[in-house]
Amino acid sequence: MEIPENTVADLTRRLRRVEGQIRGIQQMLAEARDCRDIVTQMSAASKALDQAGFLLVASGLTWCIANPDESAAEGYALEDVQKLFMKLA
């Protein structure tokens, strides 16, 4: 499956942001910050990670629709990509 360079760059930025959020949560725990604040940050990190996953699957689905024969030959039949989407849902 071919993922466009701009999508890879976007995914990389998103994952780095999530990584920073996770480090921030760890610091909040070490500082014994308020539980509500920590849960809020955990929720934000989780949502950001979900959005990155959806972006990746959407890009793959777009590629599969545009290149059905090539995607099937690479083992990415449309049904397989749909299953990936459902793993994130």
PDB file of N, CA and C in Angstrom:
ATOM      1  N   MET A   1       0.844  -1.165   0.000  1.00  0.00           N
ATOM      2  CA  MET A   1       0.000   0.000   0.000  1.00  0.00           C
ATOM      3  C   MET A   1       0.892   1.231   0.000  1.00  0.00           C
ATOM      4  N   GLU A   2       0.595   2.141  -0.857  1.00  0.00           N
ATOM      5  CA  GLU A   2       1.369   3.376  -0.948  1.00  0.00           C
ATOM      6  C   GLU A   2       0.674   4.471  -0.155  1.00  0.00           C
ATOM      7  N   ILE A   3       1.398   5.058   0.759  1.00  0.00           N
ATOM      8  CA  ILE A   3       0.873   6.162   1.537  1.00  0.00           C
ATOM      9  C   ILE A   3       1.608   7.417   1.083  1.00  0.00           C
ATOM     10  N   PRO A   4       0.877   8.444   0.673  1.00  0.00           N
ATOM     11  CA  PRO A   4       1.527   9.667   0.186  1.00  0.00           C
ATOM     12  C   PRO A   4       2.461  10.272   1.230  1.00  0.00           C
ATOM     13  N   GLU A   5       3.534  10.894   0.739  1.00  0.00           N
ATOM     14  CA  GLU A   5       4.535  11.491   1.629  1.00  0.00           C
ATOM     15  C   GLU A   5       3.927  12.516   2.575  1.00  0.00           C
ATOM     16  N   ASN A   6       2.979  13.317   2.068  1.00  0.00           N
ATOM     17  CA  ASN A   6       2.389  14.334   2.937  1.00  0.00           C
ATOM     18  C   ASN A   6       1.565  13.690   4.061  1.00  0.00           C
ATOM     19  N   THR A   7       0.971  12.531   3.794  1.00  0.00           N
ATOM     20  CA  THR A   7       0.226  11.815   4.834  1.00  0.00           C
ATOM     21  C   THR A   7       1.177  11.234   5.864  1.00  0.00           C
ATOM     22  N   VAL A   8       2.288  10.686   5.399  1.00  0.00           N
ATOM     23  CA  VAL A   8       3.303  10.154   6.320  1.00  0.00           C
ATOM     24  C   VAL A   8       3.837  11.280   7.205  1.00  0.00           C
ATOM     25  N   ALA A   9       4.095  12.434   6.611  1.00  0.00           N
ATOM     26  CA  ALA A   9       4.591  13.577   7.386  1.00  0.00           C
ATOM     27  C   ALA A   9       3.547  14.016   8.415  1.00  0.00           C
ATOM     28  N   ASP A  10       2.286  14.054   8.015  1.00  0.00           N
ATOM     29  CA  ASP A  10       1.213  14.431   8.928  1.00  0.00           C
ATOM     30  C   ASP A  10       1.102  13.418  10.077  1.00  0.00           C
ATOM     31  N   LEU A  11       1.155  12.136   9.732  1.00  0.00           N
ATOM     32  CA  LEU A  11       1.088  11.086  10.759  1.00  0.00           C
ATOM     33  C   LEU A  11       2.257  11.187  11.731  1.00  0.00           C
ATOM     34  N   THR A  12       3.430  11.454  11.218  1.00  0.00           N
ATOM     35  CA  THR A  12       4.616  11.586  12.059  1.00  0.00           C
ATOM     36  C   THR A  12       4.459  12.752  13.028  1.00  0.00           C
ATOM     37  N   ARG A  13       3.956  13.886  12.529  1.00  0.00           N
ATOM     38  CA  ARG A  13       3.713  15.045  13.409  1.00  0.00           C
ATOM     39  C   ARG A  13       2.695  14.705  14.488  1.00  0.00           C
ATOM     40  N   ARG A  14       1.619  14.039  14.101  1.00  0.00           N
ATOM     41  CA  ARG A  14       0.580  13.676  15.055  1.00  0.00           C
ATOM     42  C   ARG A  14       1.123  12.725  16.128  1.00  0.00           C
ATOM     43  N   LEU A  15       1.905  11.749  15.710  1.00  0.00           N
ATOM     44  CA  LEU A  15       2.454  10.784  16.664  1.00  0.00           C
ATOM     45  C   LEU A  15       3.459  11.430  17.603  1.00  0.00           C
ATOM     46  N   ARG A  16       4.230  12.365  17.105  1.00  0.00           N
ATOM     47  CA  ARG A  16       5.160  13.083  17.981  1.00  0.00           C
ATOM     48  C   ARG A  16       4.399  13.918  19.010  1.00  0.00           C
ATOM     49  N   ARG A  17       3.280  14.496  18.573  1.00  0.00           N
ATOM     50  CA  ARG A  17       2.454  15.268  19.494  1.00  0.00           C
ATOM     51  C   ARG A  17       1.884  14.355  20.581  1.00  0.00           C
ATOM     52  N   VAL A  18       1.411  13.179  20.183  1.00  0.00           N
ATOM     53  CA  VAL A  18       0.894  12.219  21.160  1.00  0.00           C
ATOM     54  C   VAL A  18       2.001  11.791  22.110  1.00  0.00           C
ATOM     55  N   GLU A  19       3.172  11.564  21.569  1.00  0.00           N
ATOM     56  CA  GLU A  19       4.315  11.184  22.400  1.00  0.00           C
ATOM     57  C   GLU A  19       4.581  12.254  23.459  1.00  0.00           C
ATOM     58  N   GLY A  20       4.519  13.510  23.063  1.00  0.00           N
ATOM     59  CA  GLY A  20       4.705  14.599  24.012  1.00  0.00           C
ATOM     60  C   GLY A  20       3.595  14.642  25.053  1.00  0.00           C
ATOM     61  N   GLN A  21       2.368  14.363  24.599  1.00  0.00           N
ATOM     62  CA  GLN A  21       1.253  14.330  25.543  1.00  0.00           C
ATOM     63  C   GLN A  21       1.454  13.226  26.588  1.00  0.00           C
ATOM     64  N   ILE A  22       1.916  12.077  26.147  1.00  0.00           N
ATOM     65  CA  ILE A  22       2.136  10.955  27.065  1.00  0.00           C
ATOM     66  C   ILE A  22       3.233  11.305  28.074  1.00  0.00           C
ATOM     67  N   ARG A  23       4.302  11.926  27.604  1.00  0.00           N
ATOM     68  CA  ARG A  23       5.361  12.350  28.526  1.00  0.00           C
ATOM     69  C   ARG A  23       4.812  13.361  29.538  1.00  0.00           C
ATOM     70  N   GLY A  24       3.940  14.240  29.051  1.00  0.00           N
ATOM     71  CA  GLY A  24       3.325  15.213  29.942  1.00  0.00           C
ATOM     72  C   GLY A  24       2.453  14.542  30.997  1.00  0.00           C
ATOM     73  N   ILE A  25       1.729  13.508  30.598  1.00  0.00           N
ATOM     74  CA  ILE A  25       0.891  12.763  31.545  1.00  0.00           C
ATOM     75  C   ILE A  25       1.766  12.088  32.594  1.00  0.00           C
ATOM     76  N   GLN A  26       2.869  11.508  32.160  1.00  0.00           N
ATOM     77  CA  GLN A  26       3.788  10.875  33.112  1.00  0.00           C
ATOM     78  C   GLN A  26       4.310  11.899  34.115  1.00  0.00           C
ATOM     79  N   GLN A  27       4.618  13.090  33.633  1.00  0.00           N
ATOM     80  CA  GLN A  27       5.100  14.159  34.518  1.00  0.00           C
ATOM     81  C   GLN A  27       3.998  14.580  35.482  1.00  0.00           C
ATOM     82  N   MET A  28       2.783  14.664  34.977  1.00  0.00           N
ATOM     83  CA  MET A  28       1.651  15.025  35.844  1.00  0.00           C
ATOM     84  C   MET A  28       1.481  14.003  36.969  1.00  0.00           C
ATOM     85  N   LEU A  29       1.647  12.732  36.632  1.00  0.00           N
ATOM     86  CA  LEU A  29       1.546  11.680  37.653  1.00  0.00           C
ATOM     87  C   LEU A  29       2.657  11.823  38.689  1.00  0.00           C
ATOM     88  N   ALA A  30       3.869  12.082  38.208  1.00  0.00           N
ATOM     89  CA  ALA A  30       5.003  12.239  39.112  1.00  0.00           C
ATOM     90  C   ALA A  30       4.811  13.428  40.050  1.00  0.00           C
ATOM     91  N   GLU A  31       4.128  14.451  39.556  1.00  0.00           N
ATOM     92  CA  GLU A  31       3.874  15.651  40.355  1.00  0.00           C
ATOM     93  C   GLU A  31       2.605  15.532  41.195  1.00  0.00           C
ATOM     94  N   ALA A  32       1.939  14.383  41.127  1.00  0.00           N
ATOM     95  CA  ALA A  32       0.689  14.147  41.866  1.00  0.00           C
ATOM     96  C   ALA A  32      -0.363  15.210  41.550  1.00  0.00           C
ATOM     97  N   ARG A  33      -0.495  15.504  40.248  1.00  0.00           N
ATOM     98  CA  ARG A  33      -1.487  16.492  39.818  1.00  0.00           C
ATOM     99  C   ARG A  33      -2.893  15.943  39.991  1.00  0.00           C
ATOM    100  N   ASP A  34      -3.862  16.818  39.908  1.00  0.00           N
ATOM    101  CA  ASP A  34      -5.265  16.455  40.093  1.00  0.00           C
ATOM    102  C   ASP A  34      -5.692  15.392  39.080  1.00  0.00           C
ATOM    103  N   CYS A  35      -6.431  14.414  39.578  1.00  0.00           N
ATOM    104  CA  CYS A  35      -6.896  13.292  38.762  1.00  0.00           C
ATOM    105  C   CYS A  35      -7.691  13.769  37.541  1.00  0.00           C
ATOM    106  N   ARG A  36      -8.522  14.777  37.720  1.00  0.00           N
ATOM    107  CA  ARG A  36      -9.339  15.275  36.604  1.00  0.00           C
ATOM    108  C   ARG A  36      -8.467  15.803  35.473  1.00  0.00           C
ATOM    109  N   ASP A  37      -7.397  16.499  35.828  1.00  0.00           N
ATOM    110  CA  ASP A  37      -6.490  17.035  34.817  1.00  0.00           C
ATOM    111  C   ASP A  37      -5.785  15.908  34.069  1.00  0.00           C
ATOM    112  N   ILE A  38      -5.371  14.900  34.802  1.00  0.00           N
ATOM    113  CA  ILE A  38      -4.679  13.765  34.189  1.00  0.00           C
ATOM    114  C   ILE A  38      -5.608  13.022  33.237  1.00  0.00           C
ATOM    115  N   VAL A  39      -6.829  12.763  33.684  1.00  0.00           N
ATOM    116  CA  VAL A  39      -7.790  12.054  32.830  1.00  0.00           C
ATOM    117  C   VAL A  39      -8.106  12.874  31.579  1.00  0.00           C
ATOM    118  N   THR A  40      -8.205  14.181  31.726  1.00  0.00           N
ATOM    119  CA  THR A  40      -8.451  15.049  30.568  1.00  0.00           C
ATOM    120  C   THR A  40      -7.329  14.905  29.552  1.00  0.00           C
ATOM    121  N   GLN A  41      -6.098  14.894  30.022  1.00  0.00           N
ATOM    122  CA  GLN A  41      -4.961  14.751  29.110  1.00  0.00           C
ATOM    123  C   GLN A  41      -4.893  13.353  28.497  1.00  0.00           C
ATOM    124  N   MET A  42      -5.252  12.342  29.278  1.00  0.00           N
ATOM    125  CA  MET A  42      -5.293  10.973  28.736  1.00  0.00           C
ATOM    126  C   MET A  42      -6.336  10.876  27.624  1.00  0.00           C
ATOM    127  N   SER A  43      -7.473  11.494  27.842  1.00  0.00           N
ATOM    128  CA  SER A  43      -8.533  11.488  26.836  1.00  0.00           C
ATOM    129  C   SER A  43      -8.068  12.183  25.556  1.00  0.00           C
ATOM    130  N   ALA A  44      -7.396  13.306  25.712  1.00  0.00           N
ATOM    131  CA  ALA A  44      -6.894  14.043  24.545  1.00  0.00           C
ATOM    132  C   ALA A  44      -5.866  13.220  23.774  1.00  0.00           C
ATOM    133  N   ALA A  45      -4.965  12.559  24.490  1.00  0.00           N
ATOM    134  CA  ALA A  45      -3.949  11.735  23.833  1.00  0.00           C
ATOM    135  C   ALA A  45      -4.596  10.554  23.113  1.00  0.00           C
ATOM    136  N   SER A  46      -5.564   9.948  23.748  1.00  0.00           N
ATOM    137  CA  SER A  46      -6.261   8.813  23.138  1.00  0.00           C
ATOM    138  C   SER A  46      -6.980   9.239  21.856  1.00  0.00           C
ATOM    139  N   LYS A  47      -7.654  10.371  21.918  1.00  0.00           N
ATOM    140  CA  LYS A  47      -8.371  10.865  20.738  1.00  0.00           C
ATOM    141  C   LYS A  47      -7.391  11.196  19.606  1.00  0.00           C
ATOM    142  N   ALA A  48      -6.276  11.813  19.961  1.00  0.00           N
ATOM    143  CA  ALA A  48      -5.274  12.157  18.948  1.00  0.00           C
ATOM    144  C   ALA A  48      -4.709  10.900  18.292  1.00  0.00           C
ATOM    145  N   LEU A  49      -4.477   9.858  19.067  1.00  0.00           N
ATOM    146  CA  LEU A  49      -3.975   8.602  18.517  1.00  0.00           C
ATOM    147  C   LEU A  49      -5.029   7.950  17.612  1.00  0.00           C
ATOM    148  N   ASP A  50      -6.283   7.978  18.045  1.00  0.00           N
ATOM    149  CA  ASP A  50      -7.369   7.452  17.213  1.00  0.00           C
ATOM    150  C   ASP A  50      -7.439   8.184  15.876  1.00  0.00           C
ATOM    151  N   GLN A  51      -7.331   9.514  15.918  1.00  0.00           N
ATOM    152  CA  GLN A  51      -7.400  10.295  14.691  1.00  0.00           C
ATOM    153  C   GLN A  51      -6.248   9.966  13.746  1.00  0.00           C
ATOM    154  N   ALA A  52      -5.073   9.728  14.291  1.00  0.00           N
ATOM    155  CA  ALA A  52      -3.936   9.329  13.459  1.00  0.00           C
ATOM    156  C   ALA A  52      -4.216   7.979  12.801  1.00  0.00           C
ATOM    157  N   GLY A  53      -4.793   7.063  13.551  1.00  0.00           N
ATOM    158  CA  GLY A  53      -5.148   5.756  12.988  1.00  0.00           C
ATOM    159  C   GLY A  53      -6.178   5.873  11.883  1.00  0.00           C
ATOM    160  N   PHE A  54      -7.187   6.708  12.094  1.00  0.00           N
ATOM    161  CA  PHE A  54      -8.208   6.903  11.060  1.00  0.00           C
ATOM    162  C   PHE A  54      -7.615   7.525   9.810  1.00  0.00           C
ATOM    163  N   LEU A  55      -6.686   8.457   9.988  1.00  0.00           N
ATOM    164  CA  LEU A  55      -6.028   9.072   8.836  1.00  0.00           C
ATOM    165  C   LEU A  55      -5.268   8.022   8.033  1.00  0.00           C
ATOM    166  N   LEU A  56      -4.559   7.154   8.726  1.00  0.00           N
ATOM    167  CA  LEU A  56      -3.795   6.100   8.059  1.00  0.00           C
ATOM    168  C   LEU A  56      -4.719   5.154   7.287  1.00  0.00           C
ATOM    169  N   VAL A  57      -5.780   4.712   7.931  1.00  0.00           N
ATOM    170  CA  VAL A  57      -6.702   3.783   7.267  1.00  0.00           C
ATOM    171  C   VAL A  57      -7.431   4.475   6.122  1.00  0.00           C
ATOM    172  N   ALA A  58      -7.805   5.737   6.295  1.00  0.00           N
ATOM    173  CA  ALA A  58      -8.485   6.469   5.218  1.00  0.00           C
ATOM    174  C   ALA A  58      -7.578   6.594   3.999  1.00  0.00           C
ATOM    175  N   SER A  59      -6.306   6.842   4.246  1.00  0.00           N
ATOM    176  CA  SER A  59      -5.346   6.925   3.145  1.00  0.00           C
ATOM    177  C   SER A  59      -5.227   5.580   2.441  1.00  0.00           C
ATOM    178  N   GLY A  60      -5.159   4.515   3.224  1.00  0.00           N
ATOM    179  CA  GLY A  60      -5.083   3.176   2.639  1.00  0.00           C
ATOM    180  C   GLY A  60      -6.336   2.813   1.869  1.00  0.00           C
ATOM    181  N   LEU A  61      -7.479   3.176   2.412  1.00  0.00           N
ATOM    182  CA  LEU A  61      -8.746   2.887   1.737  1.00  0.00           C
ATOM    183  C   LEU A  61      -8.836   3.638   0.412  1.00  0.00           C
ATOM    184  N   THR A  62      -8.397   4.890   0.423  1.00  0.00           N
ATOM    185  CA  THR A  62      -8.384   5.678  -0.809  1.00  0.00           C
ATOM    186  C   THR A  62      -7.490   5.020  -1.858  1.00  0.00           C
ATOM    187  N   TRP A  63      -6.324   4.559  -1.423  1.00  0.00           N
ATOM    188  CA  TRP A  63      -5.401   3.907  -2.349  1.00  0.00           C
ATOM    189  C   TRP A  63      -6.007   2.612  -2.894  1.00  0.00           C
ATOM    190  N   CYS A  64      -6.640   1.841  -2.021  1.00  0.00           N
ATOM    191  CA  CYS A  64      -7.239   0.575  -2.457  1.00  0.00           C
ATOM    192  C   CYS A  64      -8.355   0.784  -3.474  1.00  0.00           C
ATOM    193  N   ILE A  65      -9.138   1.814  -3.264  1.00  0.00           N
ATOM    194  CA  ILE A  65     -10.231   2.099  -4.202  1.00  0.00           C
ATOM    195  C   ILE A  65      -9.675   2.556  -5.545  1.00  0.00           C
ATOM    196  N   ALA A  66      -8.611   3.363  -5.507  1.00  0.00           N
ATOM    197  CA  ALA A  66      -8.010   3.872  -6.740  1.00  0.00           C
ATOM    198  C   ALA A  66      -7.201   2.806  -7.473  1.00  0.00           C
ATOM    199  N   ASN A  67      -6.702   1.793  -6.749  1.00  0.00           N
ATOM    200  CA  ASN A  67      -5.838   0.762  -7.335  1.00  0.00           C
ATOM    201  C   ASN A  67      -6.297  -0.624  -6.897  1.00  0.00           C
ATOM    202  N   PRO A  68      -7.506  -1.050  -7.283  1.00  0.00           N
ATOM    203  CA  PRO A  68      -8.048  -2.303  -6.744  1.00  0.00           C
ATOM    204  C   PRO A  68      -7.229  -3.549  -7.072  1.00  0.00           C
ATOM    205  N   ASP A  69      -6.718  -3.644  -8.282  1.00  0.00           N
ATOM    206  CA  ASP A  69      -5.949  -4.835  -8.664  1.00  0.00           C
ATOM    207  C   ASP A  69      -4.611  -4.889  -7.926  1.00  0.00           C
ATOM    208  N   GLU A  70      -3.928  -3.761  -7.881  1.00  0.00           N
ATOM    209  CA  GLU A  70      -2.631  -3.693  -7.211  1.00  0.00           C
ATOM    210  C   GLU A  70      -2.784  -3.916  -5.704  1.00  0.00           C
ATOM    211  N   SER A  71      -3.819  -3.334  -5.110  1.00  0.00           N
ATOM    212  CA  SER A  71      -4.016  -3.503  -3.668  1.00  0.00           C
ATOM    213  C   SER A  71      -4.342  -4.951  -3.323  1.00  0.00           C
ATOM    214  N   ALA A  72      -5.150  -5.596  -4.146  1.00  0.00           N
ATOM    215  CA  ALA A  72      -5.470  -7.005  -3.897  1.00  0.00           C
ATOM    216  C   ALA A  72      -4.222  -7.872  -4.037  1.00  0.00           C
ATOM    217  N   ALA A  73      -3.386  -7.558  -5.023  1.00  0.00           N
ATOM    218  CA  ALA A  73      -2.162  -8.326  -5.237  1.00  0.00           C
ATOM    219  C   ALA A  73      -1.203  -8.176  -4.056  1.00  0.00           C
ATOM    220  N   GLU A  74      -1.241  -7.028  -3.380  1.00  0.00           N
ATOM    221  CA  GLU A  74      -0.372  -6.787  -2.219  1.00  0.00           C
ATOM    222  C   GLU A  74      -0.997  -7.278  -0.915  1.00  0.00           C
ATOM    223  N   GLY A  75      -2.180  -7.878  -1.019  1.00  0.00           N
ATOM    224  CA  GLY A  75      -2.828  -8.402   0.172  1.00  0.00           C
ATOM    225  C   GLY A  75      -3.696  -7.394   0.896  1.00  0.00           C
ATOM    226  N   TYR A  76      -4.053  -6.326   0.217  1.00  0.00           N
ATOM    227  CA  TYR A  76      -4.912  -5.303   0.802  1.00  0.00           C
ATOM    228  C   TYR A  76      -6.232  -5.216   0.040  1.00  0.00           C
ATOM    229  N   ALA A  77      -6.961  -6.311   0.062  1.00  0.00           N
ATOM    230  CA  ALA A  77      -8.287  -6.270  -0.542  1.00  0.00           C
ATOM    231  C   ALA A  77      -9.127  -5.268   0.237  1.00  0.00           C
ATOM    232  N   LEU A  78     -10.110  -4.709  -0.397  1.00  0.00           N
ATOM    233  CA  LEU A  78     -10.960  -3.707   0.229  1.00  0.00           C
ATOM    234  C   LEU A  78     -11.531  -4.206   1.552  1.00  0.00           C
ATOM    235  N   GLU A  79     -11.888  -5.478   1.608  1.00  0.00           N
ATOM    236  CA  GLU A  79     -12.443  -6.054   2.834  1.00  0.00           C
ATOM    237  C   GLU A  79     -11.417  -6.024   3.974  1.00  0.00           C
ATOM    238  N   ASP A  80     -10.145  -6.234   3.635  1.00  0.00           N
ATOM    239  CA  ASP A  80      -9.088  -6.221   4.648  1.00  0.00           C
ATOM    240  C   ASP A  80      -8.909  -4.820   5.242  1.00  0.00           C
ATOM    241  N   VAL A  81      -8.963  -3.814   4.385  1.00  0.00           N
ATOM    242  CA  VAL A  81      -8.817  -2.438   4.861  1.00  0.00           C
ATOM    243  C   VAL A  81     -10.042  -2.052   5.698  1.00  0.00           C
ATOM    244  N   GLN A  82     -11.190  -2.522   5.314  1.00  0.00           N
ATOM    245  CA  GLN A  82     -12.393  -2.253   6.101  1.00  0.00           C
ATOM    246  C   GLN A  82     -12.245  -2.875   7.501  1.00  0.00           C
ATOM    247  N   LYS A  83     -11.651  -4.051   7.577  1.00  0.00           N
ATOM    248  CA  LYS A  83     -11.420  -4.692   8.878  1.00  0.00           C
ATOM    249  C   LYS A  83     -10.465  -3.834   9.720  1.00  0.00           C
ATOM    250  N   LEU A  84      -9.448  -3.272   9.087  1.00  0.00           N
ATOM    251  CA  LEU A  84      -8.531  -2.385   9.809  1.00  0.00           C
ATOM    252  C   LEU A  84      -9.298  -1.192  10.376  1.00  0.00           C
ATOM    253  N   PHE A  85     -10.194  -0.640   9.577  1.00  0.00           N
ATOM    254  CA  PHE A  85     -11.005   0.474  10.036  1.00  0.00           C
ATOM    255  C   PHE A  85     -11.827   0.078  11.256  1.00  0.00           C
ATOM    256  N   MET A  86     -12.411  -1.102  11.209  1.00  0.00           N
ATOM    257  CA  MET A  86     -13.259  -1.565  12.311  1.00  0.00           C
ATOM    258  C   MET A  86     -12.458  -1.801  13.597  1.00  0.00           C
ATOM    259  N   LYS A  87     -11.168  -2.121  13.451  1.00  0.00           N
ATOM    260  CA  LYS A  87     -10.325  -2.269  14.645  1.00  0.00           C
ATOM    261  C   LYS A  87     -10.193  -0.950  15.390  1.00  0.00           C
ATOM    262  N   LEU A  88     -10.263   0.149  14.655  1.00  0.00           N
ATOM    263  CA  LEU A  88     -10.146   1.459  15.277  1.00  0.00           C
ATOM    264  C   LEU A  88     -11.473   1.987  15.806  1.00  0.00           C
ATOM    265  N   ALA A  89     -12.554   1.462  15.270  1.00  0.00           N
ATOM    266  CA  ALA A  89     -13.877   1.993  15.639  1.00  0.00           C
ATOM    267  C   ALA A  89     -14.281   1.575  17.036  1.00  0.00           C
TER     268      ALA A  89
END
